C-alpha cells in the first residue's frame, strides 16, 4: 500500500496518508480548526519491482552470479593497477 501526500488549500498543511490504491481520495483537511479542501500531491513514488517474464533478466541476478562478477572485477582492478607503475632504469 502506498503513502499519499496531501496538502490543504486553505491552511497549507502537508501530511502523508497510508492508503490502498482503491481507497477514495481524501477531501477535507484533518485539522480541527480548518475546514479547507485538500488535494493529493504528485510524489516521486516508491521503487516498484516488476518480476516475471517480459522484464530484463539482469535486474534480478542470482547471488552466485553477483559473487562471480565481484571476483572478476577485483581481479581486473589488481591487473589494471599494476600497469604503468613500473619504471625502466
C-alpha atoms as a PDB file:
ATOM      1  CA  UNK A   1       0.000   0.000   0.000  1.00  0.00           C
ATOM      2  CA  UNK A   2       1.414   3.390  -0.946  1.00  0.00           C
ATOM      3  CA  UNK A   3       1.726   6.578   1.039  1.00  0.00           C
ATOM      4  CA  UNK A   4      -0.022   9.588  -0.449  1.00  0.00           C
ATOM      5  CA  UNK A   5       0.910  13.201   0.238  1.00  0.00           C
ATOM      6  CA  UNK A   6      -1.907  15.690   0.652  1.00  0.00           C
ATOM      7  CA  UNK A   7      -1.913  19.464   1.113  1.00  0.00           C
ATOM      8  CA  UNK A   8      -4.685  21.697   2.389  1.00  0.00           C
ATOM      9  CA  UNK A   9      -5.621  24.517   0.003  1.00  0.00           C
ATOM     10  CA  UNK A  10      -6.644  26.784   2.887  1.00  0.00           C
ATOM     11  CA  UNK A  11      -4.106  26.329   5.728  1.00  0.00           C
ATOM     12  CA  UNK A  12      -1.253  24.870   3.622  1.00  0.00           C
ATOM     13  CA  UNK A  13      -0.620  21.902   5.923  1.00  0.00           C
ATOM     14  CA  UNK A  14       1.064  18.975   4.192  1.00  0.00           C
ATOM     15  CA  UNK A  15       0.594  15.452   5.510  1.00  0.00           C
ATOM     16  CA  UNK A  16       1.049  11.855   4.479  1.00  0.00           C
ATOM     17  CA  UNK A  17      -1.630   9.134   4.481  1.00  0.00           C
ATOM     18  CA  UNK A  18      -1.120   5.376   4.134  1.00  0.00           C
ATOM     19  CA  UNK A  19      -3.946   4.184   1.831  1.00  0.00           C
ATOM     20  CA  UNK A  20      -4.852   1.399  -0.525  1.00  0.00           C
ATOM     21  CA  UNK A  21      -4.791   2.310  -4.191  1.00  0.00           C
ATOM     22  CA  UNK A  22      -8.501   1.524  -4.362  1.00  0.00           C
ATOM     23  CA  UNK A  23      -9.395   3.866  -1.457  1.00  0.00           C
ATOM     24  CA  UNK A  24     -11.098   7.126  -2.448  1.00  0.00           C
ATOM     25  CA  UNK A  25      -9.117  10.377  -2.264  1.00  0.00           C
ATOM     26  CA  UNK A  26      -9.472  12.367   0.926  1.00  0.00           C
ATOM     27  CA  UNK A  27     -11.320  15.669   0.541  1.00  0.00           C
ATOM     28  CA  UNK A  28     -11.326  17.526   3.893  1.00  0.00           C
ATOM     29  CA  UNK A  29      -8.440  18.882   5.983  1.00  0.00           C
ATOM     30  CA  UNK A  30      -7.807  16.836   9.165  1.00  0.00           C
ATOM     31  CA  UNK A  31      -7.057  19.985  11.248  1.00  0.00           C
ATOM     32  CA  UNK A  32      -9.852  20.678  13.737  1.00  0.00           C
ATOM     33  CA  UNK A  33      -9.916  24.442  13.132  1.00  0.00           C
ATOM     34  CA  UNK A  34      -9.616  24.192   9.349  1.00  0.00           C
ATOM     35  CA  UNK A  35     -12.492  23.332   7.043  1.00  0.00           C
ATOM     36  CA  UNK A  36     -10.493  23.607   3.819  1.00  0.00           C
ATOM     37  CA  UNK A  37     -10.375  21.179   0.954  1.00  0.00           C
ATOM     38  CA  UNK A  38      -7.237  19.148   0.325  1.00  0.00           C
ATOM     39  CA  UNK A  39      -5.525  17.954  -2.803  1.00  0.00           C
ATOM     40  CA  UNK A  40      -3.325  14.949  -3.402  1.00  0.00           C
ATOM     41  CA  UNK A  41       0.224  15.880  -4.372  1.00  0.00           C
ATOM     42  CA  UNK A  42       2.284  14.184  -7.019  1.00  0.00           C
ATOM     43  CA  UNK A  43       5.088  12.289  -5.361  1.00  0.00           C
ATOM     44  CA  UNK A  44       8.234  10.623  -6.504  1.00  0.00           C
ATOM     45  CA  UNK A  45       6.613   7.267  -5.874  1.00  0.00           C
ATOM     46  CA  UNK A  46       8.061   4.114  -4.479  1.00  0.00           C
ATOM     47  CA  UNK A  47      10.517   1.784  -6.110  1.00  0.00           C
ATOM     48  CA  UNK A  48       8.305  -0.686  -7.932  1.00  0.00           C
ATOM     49  CA  UNK A  49       9.724  -4.089  -8.638  1.00  0.00           C
ATOM     50  CA  UNK A  50       8.393  -5.968 -11.622  1.00  0.00           C
ATOM     51  CA  UNK A  51       9.227  -9.659 -11.615  1.00  0.00           C
ATOM     52  CA  UNK A  52       8.363 -12.233 -14.186  1.00  0.00           C
ATOM     53  CA  UNK A  53       8.742 -12.796 -17.892  1.00  0.00           C
ATOM     54  CA  UNK A  54       8.984  -9.738 -20.079  1.00  0.00           C
ATOM     55  CA  UNK A  55      11.386  -7.790 -17.870  1.00  0.00           C
ATOM     56  CA  UNK A  56      15.161  -7.556 -18.037  1.00  0.00           C
ATOM     57  CA  UNK A  57      16.920 -10.684 -16.862  1.00  0.00           C
ATOM     58  CA  UNK A  58      19.807  -8.649 -15.488  1.00  0.00           C
ATOM     59  CA  UNK A  59      17.576  -6.876 -12.962  1.00  0.00           C
ATOM     60  CA  UNK A  60      17.434  -9.812 -10.575  1.00  0.00           C
ATOM     61  CA  UNK A  61      20.715 -11.675 -10.802  1.00  0.00           C
ATOM     62  CA  UNK A  62      21.365 -14.696  -8.622  1.00  0.00           C
ATOM     63  CA  UNK A  63      23.783 -14.476  -5.705  1.00  0.00           C
ATOM     64  CA  UNK A  64      26.240 -16.838  -7.450  1.00  0.00           C
ATOM     65  CA  UNK A  65      26.346 -14.540 -10.478  1.00  0.00           C
ATOM     66  CA  UNK A  66      26.962 -11.475  -8.301  1.00  0.00           C
ATOM     67  CA  UNK A  67      29.828 -13.251  -6.477  1.00  0.00           C
ATOM     68  CA  UNK A  68      31.404 -14.227  -9.794  1.00  0.00           C
ATOM     69  CA  UNK A  69      31.162 -10.652 -11.051  1.00  0.00           C
ATOM     70  CA  UNK A  70      32.721  -9.236  -7.893  1.00  0.00           C
ATOM     71  CA  UNK A  71      35.644 -11.719  -8.148  1.00  0.00           C
ATOM     72  CA  UNK A  72      36.138 -10.843 -11.804  1.00  0.00           C
ATOM     73  CA  UNK A  73      36.010  -7.119 -11.045  1.00  0.00           C
ATOM     74  CA  UNK A  74      38.551  -7.399  -8.215  1.00  0.00           C
ATOM     75  CA  UNK A  75      40.984  -9.410 -10.366  1.00  0.00           C
ATOM     76  CA  UNK A  76      40.719  -6.807 -13.135  1.00  0.00           C
ATOM     77  CA  UNK A  77      41.438  -3.992 -10.705  1.00  0.00           C
ATOM     78  CA  UNK A  78      44.577  -5.822  -9.473  1.00  0.00           C
ATOM     79  CA  UNK A  79      45.935  -6.260 -13.002  1.00  0.00           C
ATOM     80  CA  UNK A  80      44.949  -2.753 -14.069  1.00  0.00           C
ATOM     81  CA  UNK A  81      46.526  -1.138 -11.013  1.00  0.00           C
ATOM     82  CA  UNK A  82      49.927  -2.608 -11.861  1.00  0.00           C
ATOM     83  CA  UNK A  83      50.036  -1.149 -15.398  1.00  0.00           C
ATOM     84  CA  UNK A  84      52.126   1.914 -15.976  1.00  0.00           C
ATOM     85  CA  UNK A  85      53.639   1.985 -12.498  1.00  0.00           C
ATOM     86  CA  UNK A  86      56.953   0.242 -13.237  1.00  0.00           C
ATOM     87  CA  UNK A  87      59.862   2.338 -14.468  1.00  0.00           C
ATOM     88  CA  UNK A  88      62.823   1.220 -16.528  1.00  0.00           C
ATOM     89  CA  UNK A  89      66.219   2.331 -15.235  1.00  0.00           C
END
